[in-house]
């Protein structure tokens, strides 16, 4: 498991995994998501639909590994 930083949300934005919080003064940010790769192939992408943890929490993510 590797956590990767996307300081300016450019990579997340290019994948459609960003959220625009400009109205709240925060700018474009990375959305909360989990990206699972196997041998550099995307196996699963889970994005939170809103606040809270429904599909990117540790227990849910571990079931997909």
PDB file of N, CA and C in Angstrom:
ATOM      1  N   UNK A   1       0.857  -1.170   0.000  1.00  0.00           N
ATOM      2  CA  UNK A   1       0.000   0.000   0.000  1.00  0.00           C
ATOM      3  C   UNK A   1       0.896   1.224   0.000  1.00  0.00           C
ATOM      4  N   UNK A   2       0.647   2.122  -0.934  1.00  0.00           N
ATOM      5  CA  UNK A   2       1.426   3.345  -1.050  1.00  0.00           C
ATOM      6  C   UNK A   2       0.484   4.543  -1.090  1.00  0.00           C
ATOM      7  N   UNK A   3       0.739   5.501  -0.246  1.00  0.00           N
ATOM      8  CA  UNK A   3      -0.013   6.759  -0.284  1.00  0.00           C
ATOM      9  C   UNK A   3       0.795   7.744  -1.114  1.00  0.00           C
ATOM     10  N   UNK A   4       0.151   8.369  -2.074  1.00  0.00           N
ATOM     11  CA  UNK A   4       0.847   9.256  -2.995  1.00  0.00           C
ATOM     12  C   UNK A   4       0.246  10.657  -2.917  1.00  0.00           C
ATOM     13  N   UNK A   5       1.104  11.662  -2.858  1.00  0.00           N
ATOM     14  CA  UNK A   5       0.665  13.052  -2.790  1.00  0.00           C
ATOM     15  C   UNK A   5       0.426  13.614  -4.188  1.00  0.00           C
ATOM     16  N   UNK A   6      -0.596  14.423  -4.316  1.00  0.00           N
ATOM     17  CA  UNK A   6      -0.914  15.102  -5.570  1.00  0.00           C
ATOM     18  C   UNK A   6      -1.150  16.569  -5.218  1.00  0.00           C
ATOM     19  N   UNK A   7      -0.079  17.270  -4.895  1.00  0.00           N
ATOM     20  CA  UNK A   7      -0.119  18.600  -4.298  1.00  0.00           C
ATOM     21  C   UNK A   7      -1.064  19.570  -4.987  1.00  0.00           C
ATOM     22  N   UNK A   8      -1.042  19.640  -6.280  1.00  0.00           N
ATOM     23  CA  UNK A   8      -1.879  20.595  -7.008  1.00  0.00           C
ATOM     24  C   UNK A   8      -3.089  19.945  -7.675  1.00  0.00           C
ATOM     25  N   UNK A   9      -3.349  18.688  -7.361  1.00  0.00           N
ATOM     26  CA  UNK A   9      -4.480  17.910  -7.888  1.00  0.00           C
ATOM     27  C   UNK A   9      -4.462  17.781  -9.407  1.00  0.00           C
ATOM     28  N   UNK A  10      -3.328  17.953 -10.034  1.00  0.00           N
ATOM     29  CA  UNK A  10      -3.239  17.872 -11.495  1.00  0.00           C
ATOM     30  C   UNK A  10      -3.460  16.437 -11.984  1.00  0.00           C
ATOM     31  N   UNK A  11      -2.834  15.476 -11.311  1.00  0.00           N
ATOM     32  CA  UNK A  11      -2.984  14.072 -11.715  1.00  0.00           C
ATOM     33  C   UNK A  11      -4.416  13.615 -11.469  1.00  0.00           C
ATOM     34  N   UNK A  12      -4.947  13.956 -10.306  1.00  0.00           N
ATOM     35  CA  UNK A  12      -6.328  13.587  -9.977  1.00  0.00           C
ATOM     36  C   UNK A  12      -7.300  14.213 -10.966  1.00  0.00           C
ATOM     37  N   UNK A  13      -7.056  15.464 -11.320  1.00  0.00           N
ATOM     38  CA  UNK A  13      -7.915  16.161 -12.272  1.00  0.00           C
ATOM     39  C   UNK A  13      -7.889  15.470 -13.641  1.00  0.00           C
ATOM     40  N   UNK A  14      -6.722  15.030 -14.069  1.00  0.00           N
ATOM     41  CA  UNK A  14      -6.595  14.368 -15.366  1.00  0.00           C
ATOM     42  C   UNK A  14      -7.320  13.018 -15.389  1.00  0.00           C
ATOM     43  N   UNK A  15      -7.541  12.431 -14.214  1.00  0.00           N
ATOM     44  CA  UNK A  15      -8.242  11.147 -14.096  1.00  0.00           C
ATOM     45  C   UNK A  15      -9.724  11.333 -13.778  1.00  0.00           C
ATOM     46  N   UNK A  16     -10.178  12.594 -13.660  1.00  0.00           N
ATOM     47  CA  UNK A  16     -11.564  12.852 -13.295  1.00  0.00           C
ATOM     48  C   UNK A  16     -11.838  12.610 -11.819  1.00  0.00           C
ATOM     49  N   UNK A  17     -10.795  12.705 -11.009  1.00  0.00           N
ATOM     50  CA  UNK A  17     -10.907  12.410  -9.577  1.00  0.00           C
ATOM     51  C   UNK A  17     -10.608  13.634  -8.718  1.00  0.00           C
ATOM     52  N   UNK A  18     -11.044  14.792  -9.204  1.00  0.00           N
ATOM     53  CA  UNK A  18     -10.840  16.017  -8.432  1.00  0.00           C
ATOM     54  C   UNK A  18     -12.197  16.618  -8.098  1.00  0.00           C
ATOM     55  N   UNK A  19     -12.174  17.566  -7.195  1.00  0.00           N
ATOM     56  CA  UNK A  19     -13.387  18.264  -6.798  1.00  0.00           C
ATOM     57  C   UNK A  19     -13.061  19.751  -6.715  1.00  0.00           C
ATOM     58  N   UNK A  20     -13.953  20.584  -7.252  1.00  0.00           N
ATOM     59  CA  UNK A  20     -13.724  22.026  -7.257  1.00  0.00           C
ATOM     60  C   UNK A  20     -14.357  22.641  -6.015  1.00  0.00           C
ATOM     61  N   UNK A  21     -13.526  23.071  -5.086  1.00  0.00           N
ATOM     62  CA  UNK A  21     -13.978  23.690  -3.846  1.00  0.00           C
ATOM     63  C   UNK A  21     -13.655  25.181  -3.835  1.00  0.00           C
ATOM     64  N   UNK A  22     -13.523  25.777  -5.029  1.00  0.00           N
ATOM     65  CA  UNK A  22     -13.186  27.186  -5.164  1.00  0.00           C
ATOM     66  C   UNK A  22     -14.181  28.068  -4.431  1.00  0.00           C
ATOM     67  N   UNK A  23     -15.448  27.726  -4.513  1.00  0.00           N
ATOM     68  CA  UNK A  23     -16.487  28.524  -3.867  1.00  0.00           C
ATOM     69  C   UNK A  23     -16.257  28.622  -2.354  1.00  0.00           C
ATOM     70  N   UNK A  24     -15.669  27.601  -1.771  1.00  0.00           N
ATOM     71  CA  UNK A  24     -15.368  27.610  -0.341  1.00  0.00           C
ATOM     72  C   UNK A  24     -13.972  28.123  -0.041  1.00  0.00           C
ATOM     73  N   UNK A  25     -13.262  28.620  -1.076  1.00  0.00           N
ATOM     74  CA  UNK A  25     -11.937  29.189  -0.886  1.00  0.00           C
ATOM     75  C   UNK A  25     -10.813  28.178  -0.872  1.00  0.00           C
ATOM     76  N   UNK A  26     -11.086  26.941  -1.304  1.00  0.00           N
ATOM     77  CA  UNK A  26     -10.057  25.896  -1.245  1.00  0.00           C
ATOM     78  C   UNK A  26      -9.494  25.510  -2.605  1.00  0.00           C
ATOM     79  N   UNK A  27     -10.096  25.999  -3.692  1.00  0.00           N
ATOM     80  CA  UNK A  27      -9.595  25.685  -5.024  1.00  0.00           C
ATOM     81  C   UNK A  27      -9.923  24.271  -5.449  1.00  0.00           C
ATOM     82  N   UNK A  28      -9.239  23.791  -6.479  1.00  0.00           N
ATOM     83  CA  UNK A  28      -9.425  22.431  -6.973  1.00  0.00           C
ATOM     84  C   UNK A  28      -8.579  21.502  -6.118  1.00  0.00           C
ATOM     85  N   UNK A  29      -9.220  20.476  -5.605  1.00  0.00           N
ATOM     86  CA  UNK A  29      -8.547  19.532  -4.709  1.00  0.00           C
ATOM     87  C   UNK A  29      -8.725  18.114  -5.239  1.00  0.00           C
ATOM     88  N   UNK A  30      -7.918  17.226  -4.742  1.00  0.00           N
ATOM     89  CA  UNK A  30      -8.095  15.821  -5.033  1.00  0.00           C
ATOM     90  C   UNK A  30      -9.305  15.325  -4.250  1.00  0.00           C
ATOM     91  N   UNK A  31     -10.199  14.605  -4.924  1.00  0.00           N
ATOM     92  CA  UNK A  31     -11.329  13.990  -4.229  1.00  0.00           C
ATOM     93  C   UNK A  31     -10.784  12.836  -3.386  1.00  0.00           C
ATOM     94  N   UNK A  32     -11.590  12.337  -2.471  1.00  0.00           N
ATOM     95  CA  UNK A  32     -11.164  11.170  -1.705  1.00  0.00           C
ATOM     96  C   UNK A  32     -11.469   9.934  -2.548  1.00  0.00           C
ATOM     97  N   UNK A  33     -10.424   9.185  -2.877  1.00  0.00           N
ATOM     98  CA  UNK A  33     -10.601   7.989  -3.698  1.00  0.00           C
ATOM     99  C   UNK A  33      -9.532   6.957  -3.377  1.00  0.00           C
ATOM    100  N   UNK A  34      -9.811   5.745  -3.811  1.00  0.00           N
ATOM    101  CA  UNK A  34      -8.858   4.643  -3.701  1.00  0.00           C
ATOM    102  C   UNK A  34      -8.653   4.107  -5.109  1.00  0.00           C
ATOM    103  N   UNK A  35      -7.412   3.970  -5.503  1.00  0.00           N
ATOM    104  CA  UNK A  35      -7.051   3.437  -6.810  1.00  0.00           C
ATOM    105  C   UNK A  35      -6.209   2.192  -6.559  1.00  0.00           C
ATOM    106  N   UNK A  36      -6.690   1.048  -7.020  1.00  0.00           N
ATOM    107  CA  UNK A  36      -5.966  -0.207  -6.808  1.00  0.00           C
ATOM    108  C   UNK A  36      -5.373  -0.642  -8.140  1.00  0.00           C
ATOM    109  N   UNK A  37      -4.069  -0.864  -8.124  1.00  0.00           N
ATOM    110  CA  UNK A  37      -3.337  -1.296  -9.316  1.00  0.00           C
ATOM    111  C   UNK A  37      -2.766  -2.688  -9.093  1.00  0.00           C
ATOM    112  N   UNK A  38      -2.690  -3.464 -10.161  1.00  0.00           N
ATOM    113  CA  UNK A  38      -2.021  -4.757 -10.133  1.00  0.00           C
ATOM    114  C   UNK A  38      -1.146  -4.820 -11.380  1.00  0.00           C
ATOM    115  N   UNK A  39       0.141  -4.869 -11.174  1.00  0.00           N
ATOM    116  CA  UNK A  39       1.093  -4.895 -12.287  1.00  0.00           C
ATOM    117  C   UNK A  39       0.860  -3.719 -13.235  1.00  0.00           C
ATOM    118  N   UNK A  40       0.662  -2.527 -12.643  1.00  0.00           N
ATOM    119  CA  UNK A  40       0.445  -1.267 -13.337  1.00  0.00           C
ATOM    120  C   UNK A  40      -0.866  -1.201 -14.129  1.00  0.00           C
ATOM    121  N   UNK A  41      -1.789  -2.096 -13.854  1.00  0.00           N
ATOM    122  CA  UNK A  41      -3.110  -2.060 -14.472  1.00  0.00           C
ATOM    123  C   UNK A  41      -4.137  -1.700 -13.405  1.00  0.00           C
ATOM    124  N   UNK A  42      -5.042  -0.788 -13.741  1.00  0.00           N
ATOM    125  CA  UNK A  42      -6.077  -0.371 -12.796  1.00  0.00           C
ATOM    126  C   UNK A  42      -7.057  -1.524 -12.611  1.00  0.00           C
ATOM    127  N   UNK A  43      -7.196  -1.949 -11.358  1.00  0.00           N
ATOM    128  CA  UNK A  43      -8.103  -3.032 -11.011  1.00  0.00           C
ATOM    129  C   UNK A  43      -9.408  -2.463 -10.460  1.00  0.00           C
ATOM    130  N   UNK A  44      -9.298  -1.377  -9.700  1.00  0.00           N
ATOM    131  CA  UNK A  44     -10.478  -0.799  -9.062  1.00  0.00           C
ATOM    132  C   UNK A  44     -10.254   0.678  -8.784  1.00  0.00           C
ATOM    133  N   UNK A  45     -11.309   1.466  -8.980  1.00  0.00           N
ATOM    134  CA  UNK A  45     -11.310   2.880  -8.602  1.00  0.00           C
ATOM    135  C   UNK A  45     -12.587   3.108  -7.808  1.00  0.00           C
ATOM    136  N   UNK A  46     -12.435   3.573  -6.594  1.00  0.00           N
ATOM    137  CA  UNK A  46     -13.579   3.888  -5.741  1.00  0.00           C
ATOM    138  C   UNK A  46     -13.453   5.340  -5.298  1.00  0.00           C
ATOM    139  N   UNK A  47     -14.494   6.112  -5.528  1.00  0.00           N
ATOM    140  CA  UNK A  47     -14.500   7.529  -5.158  1.00  0.00           C
ATOM    141  C   UNK A  47     -15.642   7.777  -4.188  1.00  0.00           C
ATOM    142  N   UNK A  48     -15.379   8.577  -3.196  1.00  0.00           N
ATOM    143  CA  UNK A  48     -16.440   8.940  -2.262  1.00  0.00           C
ATOM    144  C   UNK A  48     -17.420   9.880  -2.950  1.00  0.00           C
ATOM    145  N   UNK A  49     -18.715   9.610  -2.839  1.00  0.00           N
ATOM    146  CA  UNK A  49     -19.704  10.469  -3.480  1.00  0.00           C
ATOM    147  C   UNK A  49     -19.925  11.791  -2.741  1.00  0.00           C
ATOM    148  N   UNK A  50     -19.485  11.886  -1.530  1.00  0.00           N
ATOM    149  CA  UNK A  50     -19.676  13.099  -0.735  1.00  0.00           C
ATOM    150  C   UNK A  50     -18.844  13.019   0.531  1.00  0.00           C
ATOM    151  N   UNK A  51     -19.347  13.627   1.574  1.00  0.00           N
ATOM    152  CA  UNK A  51     -18.636  13.594   2.849  1.00  0.00           C
ATOM    153  C   UNK A  51     -18.782  12.217   3.488  1.00  0.00           C
ATOM    154  N   UNK A  52     -17.840  11.912   4.354  1.00  0.00           N
ATOM    155  CA  UNK A  52     -17.902  10.632   5.060  1.00  0.00           C
ATOM    156  C   UNK A  52     -17.163   9.537   4.315  1.00  0.00           C
ATOM    157  N   UNK A  53     -17.186   8.367   4.906  1.00  0.00           N
ATOM    158  CA  UNK A  53     -16.493   7.214   4.332  1.00  0.00           C
ATOM    159  C   UNK A  53     -17.506   6.108   4.079  1.00  0.00           C
ATOM    160  N   UNK A  54     -17.798   5.868   2.821  1.00  0.00           N
ATOM    161  CA  UNK A  54     -18.714   4.793   2.493  1.00  0.00           C
ATOM    162  C   UNK A  54     -18.053   3.712   1.649  1.00  0.00           C
ATOM    163  N   UNK A  55     -17.108   4.101   0.800  1.00  0.00           N
ATOM    164  CA  UNK A  55     -16.468   3.092  -0.049  1.00  0.00           C
ATOM    165  C   UNK A  55     -14.952   3.253  -0.193  1.00  0.00           C
ATOM    166  N   UNK A  56     -14.341   4.123   0.597  1.00  0.00           N
ATOM    167  CA  UNK A  56     -12.875   4.248   0.548  1.00  0.00           C
ATOM    168  C   UNK A  56     -12.243   4.011   1.909  1.00  0.00           C
ATOM    169  N   UNK A  57     -13.015   3.518   2.866  1.00  0.00           N
ATOM    170  CA  UNK A  57     -12.446   3.243   4.185  1.00  0.00           C
ATOM    171  C   UNK A  57     -11.551   2.007   4.095  1.00  0.00           C
ATOM    172  N   UNK A  58     -10.720   1.821   5.104  1.00  0.00           N
ATOM    173  CA  UNK A  58      -9.729   0.741   5.084  1.00  0.00           C
ATOM    174  C   UNK A  58     -10.366  -0.630   4.968  1.00  0.00           C
ATOM    175  N   UNK A  59     -11.403  -0.904   5.737  1.00  0.00           N
ATOM    176  CA  UNK A  59     -12.025  -2.233   5.704  1.00  0.00           C
ATOM    177  C   UNK A  59     -12.584  -2.562   4.323  1.00  0.00           C
ATOM    178  N   UNK A  60     -13.266  -1.611   3.699  1.00  0.00           N
ATOM    179  CA  UNK A  60     -13.824  -1.822   2.367  1.00  0.00           C
ATOM    180  C   UNK A  60     -12.708  -2.011   1.343  1.00  0.00           C
ATOM    181  N   UNK A  61     -11.668  -1.193   1.438  1.00  0.00           N
ATOM    182  CA  UNK A  61     -10.551  -1.271   0.499  1.00  0.00           C
ATOM    183  C   UNK A  61      -9.825  -2.614   0.619  1.00  0.00           C
ATOM    184  N   UNK A  62      -9.606  -3.070   1.833  1.00  0.00           N
ATOM    185  CA  UNK A  62      -8.900  -4.334   2.030  1.00  0.00           C
ATOM    186  C   UNK A  62      -9.638  -5.522   1.424  1.00  0.00           C
ATOM    187  N   UNK A  63     -10.958  -5.464   1.353  1.00  0.00           N
ATOM    188  CA  UNK A  63     -11.713  -6.565   0.747  1.00  0.00           C
ATOM    189  C   UNK A  63     -11.467  -6.653  -0.756  1.00  0.00           C
ATOM    190  N   UNK A  64     -10.979  -5.584  -1.359  1.00  0.00           N
ATOM    191  CA  UNK A  64     -10.747  -5.550  -2.804  1.00  0.00           C
ATOM    192  C   UNK A  64      -9.332  -5.974  -3.196  1.00  0.00           C
ATOM    193  N   UNK A  65      -8.474  -6.152  -2.200  1.00  0.00           N
ATOM    194  CA  UNK A  65      -7.089  -6.527  -2.503  1.00  0.00           C
ATOM    195  C   UNK A  65      -6.958  -8.028  -2.736  1.00  0.00           C
TER     196      UNK A  65
END
